[in-house]
Amino acid sequence: MAGGEVVTQPNPNTKMPKWLLYGLIAKGVLVAAVIIGVTVYVTMQ
């Protein structure tokens, strides 16, 4: 864990910020949408 990560803070709310959580969810949805889109595109050829 290198960089400027805040793991030394005792407050549990600072470990997973809301924007980071939403970013991970959005990334997962985006990856799933791309995979599904590519699969549909290939199978309809």
PDB file of N, CA and C in Angstrom:
ATOM      1  N   MET A   1       0.839  -1.182   0.000  1.00  0.00           N
ATOM      2  CA  MET A   1       0.000   0.000   0.000  1.00  0.00           C
ATOM      3  C   MET A   1       0.886   1.248   0.000  1.00  0.00           C
ATOM      4  N   ALA A   2       1.306   1.690  -1.157  1.00  0.00           N
ATOM      5  CA  ALA A   2       2.152   2.873  -1.249  1.00  0.00           C
ATOM      6  C   ALA A   2       1.318   4.073  -1.647  1.00  0.00           C
ATOM      7  N   GLY A   3       1.897   5.229  -1.559  1.00  0.00           N
ATOM      8  CA  GLY A   3       1.188   6.443  -1.963  1.00  0.00           C
ATOM      9  C   GLY A   3       0.607   7.168  -0.771  1.00  0.00           C
ATOM     10  N   GLY A   4      -0.377   8.014  -1.029  1.00  0.00           N
ATOM     11  CA  GLY A   4      -0.955   8.830   0.036  1.00  0.00           C
ATOM     12  C   GLY A   4      -2.271   8.272   0.531  1.00  0.00           C
ATOM     13  N   GLU A   5      -2.286   7.000   0.866  1.00  0.00           N
ATOM     14  CA  GLU A   5      -3.522   6.395   1.350  1.00  0.00           C
ATOM     15  C   GLU A   5      -3.672   6.637   2.840  1.00  0.00           C
ATOM     16  N   VAL A   6      -4.892   6.874   3.265  1.00  0.00           N
ATOM     17  CA  VAL A   6      -5.143   7.183   4.677  1.00  0.00           C
ATOM     18  C   VAL A   6      -5.583   5.912   5.393  1.00  0.00           C
ATOM     19  N   VAL A   7      -4.604   5.087   5.774  1.00  0.00           N
ATOM     20  CA  VAL A   7      -4.904   3.862   6.514  1.00  0.00           C
ATOM     21  C   VAL A   7      -4.602   4.055   7.989  1.00  0.00           C
ATOM     22  N   THR A   8      -3.965   5.164   8.332  1.00  0.00           N
ATOM     23  CA  THR A   8      -3.589   5.388   9.726  1.00  0.00           C
ATOM     24  C   THR A   8      -4.690   6.099  10.502  1.00  0.00           C
ATOM     25  N   GLN A   9      -5.753   6.511   9.827  1.00  0.00           N
ATOM     26  CA  GLN A   9      -6.824   7.232  10.510  1.00  0.00           C
ATOM     27  C   GLN A   9      -7.713   6.257  11.273  1.00  0.00           C
ATOM     28  N   PRO A  10      -8.030   6.549  12.521  1.00  0.00           N
ATOM     29  CA  PRO A  10      -8.850   5.642  13.321  1.00  0.00           C
ATOM     30  C   PRO A  10     -10.325   5.673  12.944  1.00  0.00           C
ATOM     31  N   ASN A  11     -10.750   6.738  12.251  1.00  0.00           N
ATOM     32  CA  ASN A  11     -12.156   6.859  11.879  1.00  0.00           C
ATOM     33  C   ASN A  11     -12.486   5.888  10.748  1.00  0.00           C
ATOM     34  N   PRO A  12     -13.427   4.975  10.938  1.00  0.00           N
ATOM     35  CA  PRO A  12     -13.740   3.983   9.888  1.00  0.00           C
ATOM     36  C   PRO A  12     -14.412   4.599   8.678  1.00  0.00           C
ATOM     37  N   ASN A  13     -14.984   5.793   8.831  1.00  0.00           N
ATOM     38  CA  ASN A  13     -15.659   6.430   7.702  1.00  0.00           C
ATOM     39  C   ASN A  13     -14.670   6.918   6.656  1.00  0.00           C
ATOM     40  N   THR A  14     -13.395   7.091   7.021  1.00  0.00           N
ATOM     41  CA  THR A  14     -12.409   7.609   6.080  1.00  0.00           C
ATOM     42  C   THR A  14     -11.763   6.487   5.279  1.00  0.00           C
ATOM     43  N   LYS A  15     -12.046   5.228   5.623  1.00  0.00           N
ATOM     44  CA  LYS A  15     -11.396   4.129   4.900  1.00  0.00           C
ATOM     45  C   LYS A  15     -12.002   3.954   3.515  1.00  0.00           C
ATOM     46  N   MET A  16     -13.319   4.100   3.373  1.00  0.00           N
ATOM     47  CA  MET A  16     -13.973   3.944   2.075  1.00  0.00           C
ATOM     48  C   MET A  16     -14.871   5.147   1.823  1.00  0.00           C
ATOM     49  N   PRO A  17     -14.336   6.161   1.138  1.00  0.00           N
ATOM     50  CA  PRO A  17     -15.157   7.334   0.832  1.00  0.00           C
ATOM     51  C   PRO A  17     -16.308   6.980  -0.114  1.00  0.00           C
ATOM     52  N   LYS A  18     -17.354   7.802  -0.079  1.00  0.00           N
ATOM     53  CA  LYS A  18     -18.522   7.530  -0.916  1.00  0.00           C
ATOM     54  C   LYS A  18     -18.165   7.590  -2.389  1.00  0.00           C
ATOM     55  N   TRP A  19     -17.336   8.587  -2.775  1.00  0.00           N
ATOM     56  CA  TRP A  19     -17.000   8.709  -4.199  1.00  0.00           C
ATOM     57  C   TRP A  19     -16.205   7.508  -4.687  1.00  0.00           C
ATOM     58  N   LEU A  20     -15.365   6.947  -3.796  1.00  0.00           N
ATOM     59  CA  LEU A  20     -14.589   5.778  -4.189  1.00  0.00           C
ATOM     60  C   LEU A  20     -15.502   4.572  -4.351  1.00  0.00           C
ATOM     61  N   LEU A  21     -16.457   4.425  -3.428  1.00  0.00           N
ATOM     62  CA  LEU A  21     -17.409   3.317  -3.524  1.00  0.00           C
ATOM     63  C   LEU A  21     -18.229   3.430  -4.797  1.00  0.00           C
ATOM     64  N   TYR A  22     -18.741   4.628  -5.074  1.00  0.00           N
ATOM     65  CA  TYR A  22     -19.528   4.825  -6.291  1.00  0.00           C
ATOM     66  C   TYR A  22     -18.663   4.651  -7.535  1.00  0.00           C
ATOM     67  N   GLY A  23     -17.403   5.028  -7.452  1.00  0.00           N
ATOM     68  CA  GLY A  23     -16.499   4.848  -8.577  1.00  0.00           C
ATOM     69  C   GLY A  23     -16.273   3.380  -8.891  1.00  0.00           C
ATOM     70  N   LEU A  24     -16.104   2.569  -7.841  1.00  0.00           N
ATOM     71  CA  LEU A  24     -15.914   1.135  -8.044  1.00  0.00           C
ATOM     72  C   LEU A  24     -17.175   0.504  -8.626  1.00  0.00           C
ATOM     73  N   ILE A  25     -18.346   0.916  -8.127  1.00  0.00           N
ATOM     74  CA  ILE A  25     -19.598   0.382  -8.654  1.00  0.00           C
ATOM     75  C   ILE A  25     -19.766   0.774 -10.117  1.00  0.00           C
ATOM     76  N   ALA A  26     -19.479   2.050 -10.422  1.00  0.00           N
ATOM     77  CA  ALA A  26     -19.618   2.528 -11.800  1.00  0.00           C
ATOM     78  C   ALA A  26     -18.654   1.789 -12.731  1.00  0.00           C
ATOM     79  N   LYS A  27     -17.428   1.532 -12.229  1.00  0.00           N
ATOM     80  CA  LYS A  27     -16.444   0.817 -13.051  1.00  0.00           C
ATOM     81  C   LYS A  27     -16.909  -0.611 -13.324  1.00  0.00           C
ATOM     82  N   GLY A  28     -17.460  -1.253 -12.292  1.00  0.00           N
ATOM     83  CA  GLY A  28     -17.965  -2.615 -12.462  1.00  0.00           C
ATOM     84  C   GLY A  28     -19.116  -2.669 -13.447  1.00  0.00           C
ATOM     85  N   VAL A  29     -20.027  -1.693 -13.341  1.00  0.00           N
ATOM     86  CA  VAL A  29     -21.162  -1.640 -14.269  1.00  0.00           C
ATOM     87  C   VAL A  29     -20.679  -1.379 -15.685  1.00  0.00           C
ATOM     88  N   LEU A  30     -19.702  -0.486 -15.825  1.00  0.00           N
ATOM     89  CA  LEU A  30     -19.176  -0.154 -17.148  1.00  0.00           C
ATOM     90  C   LEU A  30     -18.510  -1.371 -17.787  1.00  0.00           C
ATOM     91  N   VAL A  31     -17.702  -2.099 -17.006  1.00  0.00           N
ATOM     92  CA  VAL A  31     -17.031  -3.291 -17.523  1.00  0.00           C
ATOM     93  C   VAL A  31     -18.063  -4.343 -17.926  1.00  0.00           C
ATOM     94  N   ALA A  32     -19.087  -4.537 -17.085  1.00  0.00           N
ATOM     95  CA  ALA A  32     -20.128  -5.514 -17.402  1.00  0.00           C
ATOM     96  C   ALA A  32     -20.870  -5.112 -18.674  1.00  0.00           C
ATOM     97  N   ALA A  33     -21.167  -3.818 -18.814  1.00  0.00           N
ATOM     98  CA  ALA A  33     -21.877  -3.349 -20.007  1.00  0.00           C
ATOM     99  C   ALA A  33     -21.034  -3.555 -21.260  1.00  0.00           C
ATOM    100  N   VAL A  34     -19.730  -3.304 -21.168  1.00  0.00           N
ATOM    101  CA  VAL A  34     -18.844  -3.498 -22.322  1.00  0.00           C
ATOM    102  C   VAL A  34     -18.778  -4.971 -22.699  1.00  0.00           C
ATOM    103  N   ILE A  35     -18.653  -5.848 -21.699  1.00  0.00           N
ATOM    104  CA  ILE A  35     -18.572  -7.292 -21.974  1.00  0.00           C
ATOM    105  C   ILE A  35     -19.868  -7.775 -22.623  1.00  0.00           C
ATOM    106  N   ILE A  36     -21.001  -7.346 -22.066  1.00  0.00           N
ATOM    107  CA  ILE A  36     -22.287  -7.762 -22.626  1.00  0.00           C
ATOM    108  C   ILE A  36     -22.456  -7.208 -24.037  1.00  0.00           C
ATOM    109  N   GLY A  37     -22.066  -5.941 -24.232  1.00  0.00           N
ATOM    110  CA  GLY A  37     -22.183  -5.339 -25.542  1.00  0.00           C
ATOM    111  C   GLY A  37     -21.322  -6.041 -26.578  1.00  0.00           C
ATOM    112  N   VAL A  38     -20.110  -6.383 -26.231  1.00  0.00           N
ATOM    113  CA  VAL A  38     -19.225  -7.083 -27.157  1.00  0.00           C
ATOM    114  C   VAL A  38     -19.771  -8.485 -27.462  1.00  0.00           C
ATOM    115  N   THR A  39     -20.275  -9.158 -26.433  1.00  0.00           N
ATOM    116  CA  THR A  39     -20.823 -10.504 -26.638  1.00  0.00           C
ATOM    117  C   THR A  39     -22.027 -10.455 -27.577  1.00  0.00           C
ATOM    118  N   VAL A  40     -22.923  -9.498 -27.340  1.00  0.00           N
ATOM    119  CA  VAL A  40     -24.095  -9.371 -28.208  1.00  0.00           C
ATOM    120  C   VAL A  40     -23.675  -9.007 -29.637  1.00  0.00           C
ATOM    121  N   TYR A  41     -22.702  -8.116 -29.746  1.00  0.00           N
ATOM    122  CA  TYR A  41     -22.245  -7.678 -31.068  1.00  0.00           C
ATOM    123  C   TYR A  41     -21.619  -8.837 -31.848  1.00  0.00           C
ATOM    124  N   VAL A  42     -20.843  -9.669 -31.139  1.00  0.00           N
ATOM    125  CA  VAL A  42     -20.174 -10.799 -31.816  1.00  0.00           C
ATOM    126  C   VAL A  42     -21.199 -11.857 -32.199  1.00  0.00           C
ATOM    127  N   THR A  43     -22.157 -12.132 -31.320  1.00  0.00           N
ATOM    128  CA  THR A  43     -23.115 -13.201 -31.615  1.00  0.00           C
ATOM    129  C   THR A  43     -24.114 -12.798 -32.701  1.00  0.00           C
ATOM    130  N   MET A  44     -24.323 -11.502 -32.921  1.00  0.00           N
ATOM    131  CA  MET A  44     -25.272 -11.064 -33.936  1.00  0.00           C
ATOM    132  C   MET A  44     -24.628 -10.907 -35.300  1.00  0.00           C
ATOM    133  N   GLN A  45     -23.345 -11.173 -35.389  1.00  0.00           N
ATOM    134  CA  GLN A  45     -22.676 -11.058 -36.680  1.00  0.00           C
ATOM    135  C   GLN A  45     -23.074 -12.226 -37.585  1.00  0.00           C
TER     136      GLN A  45
END
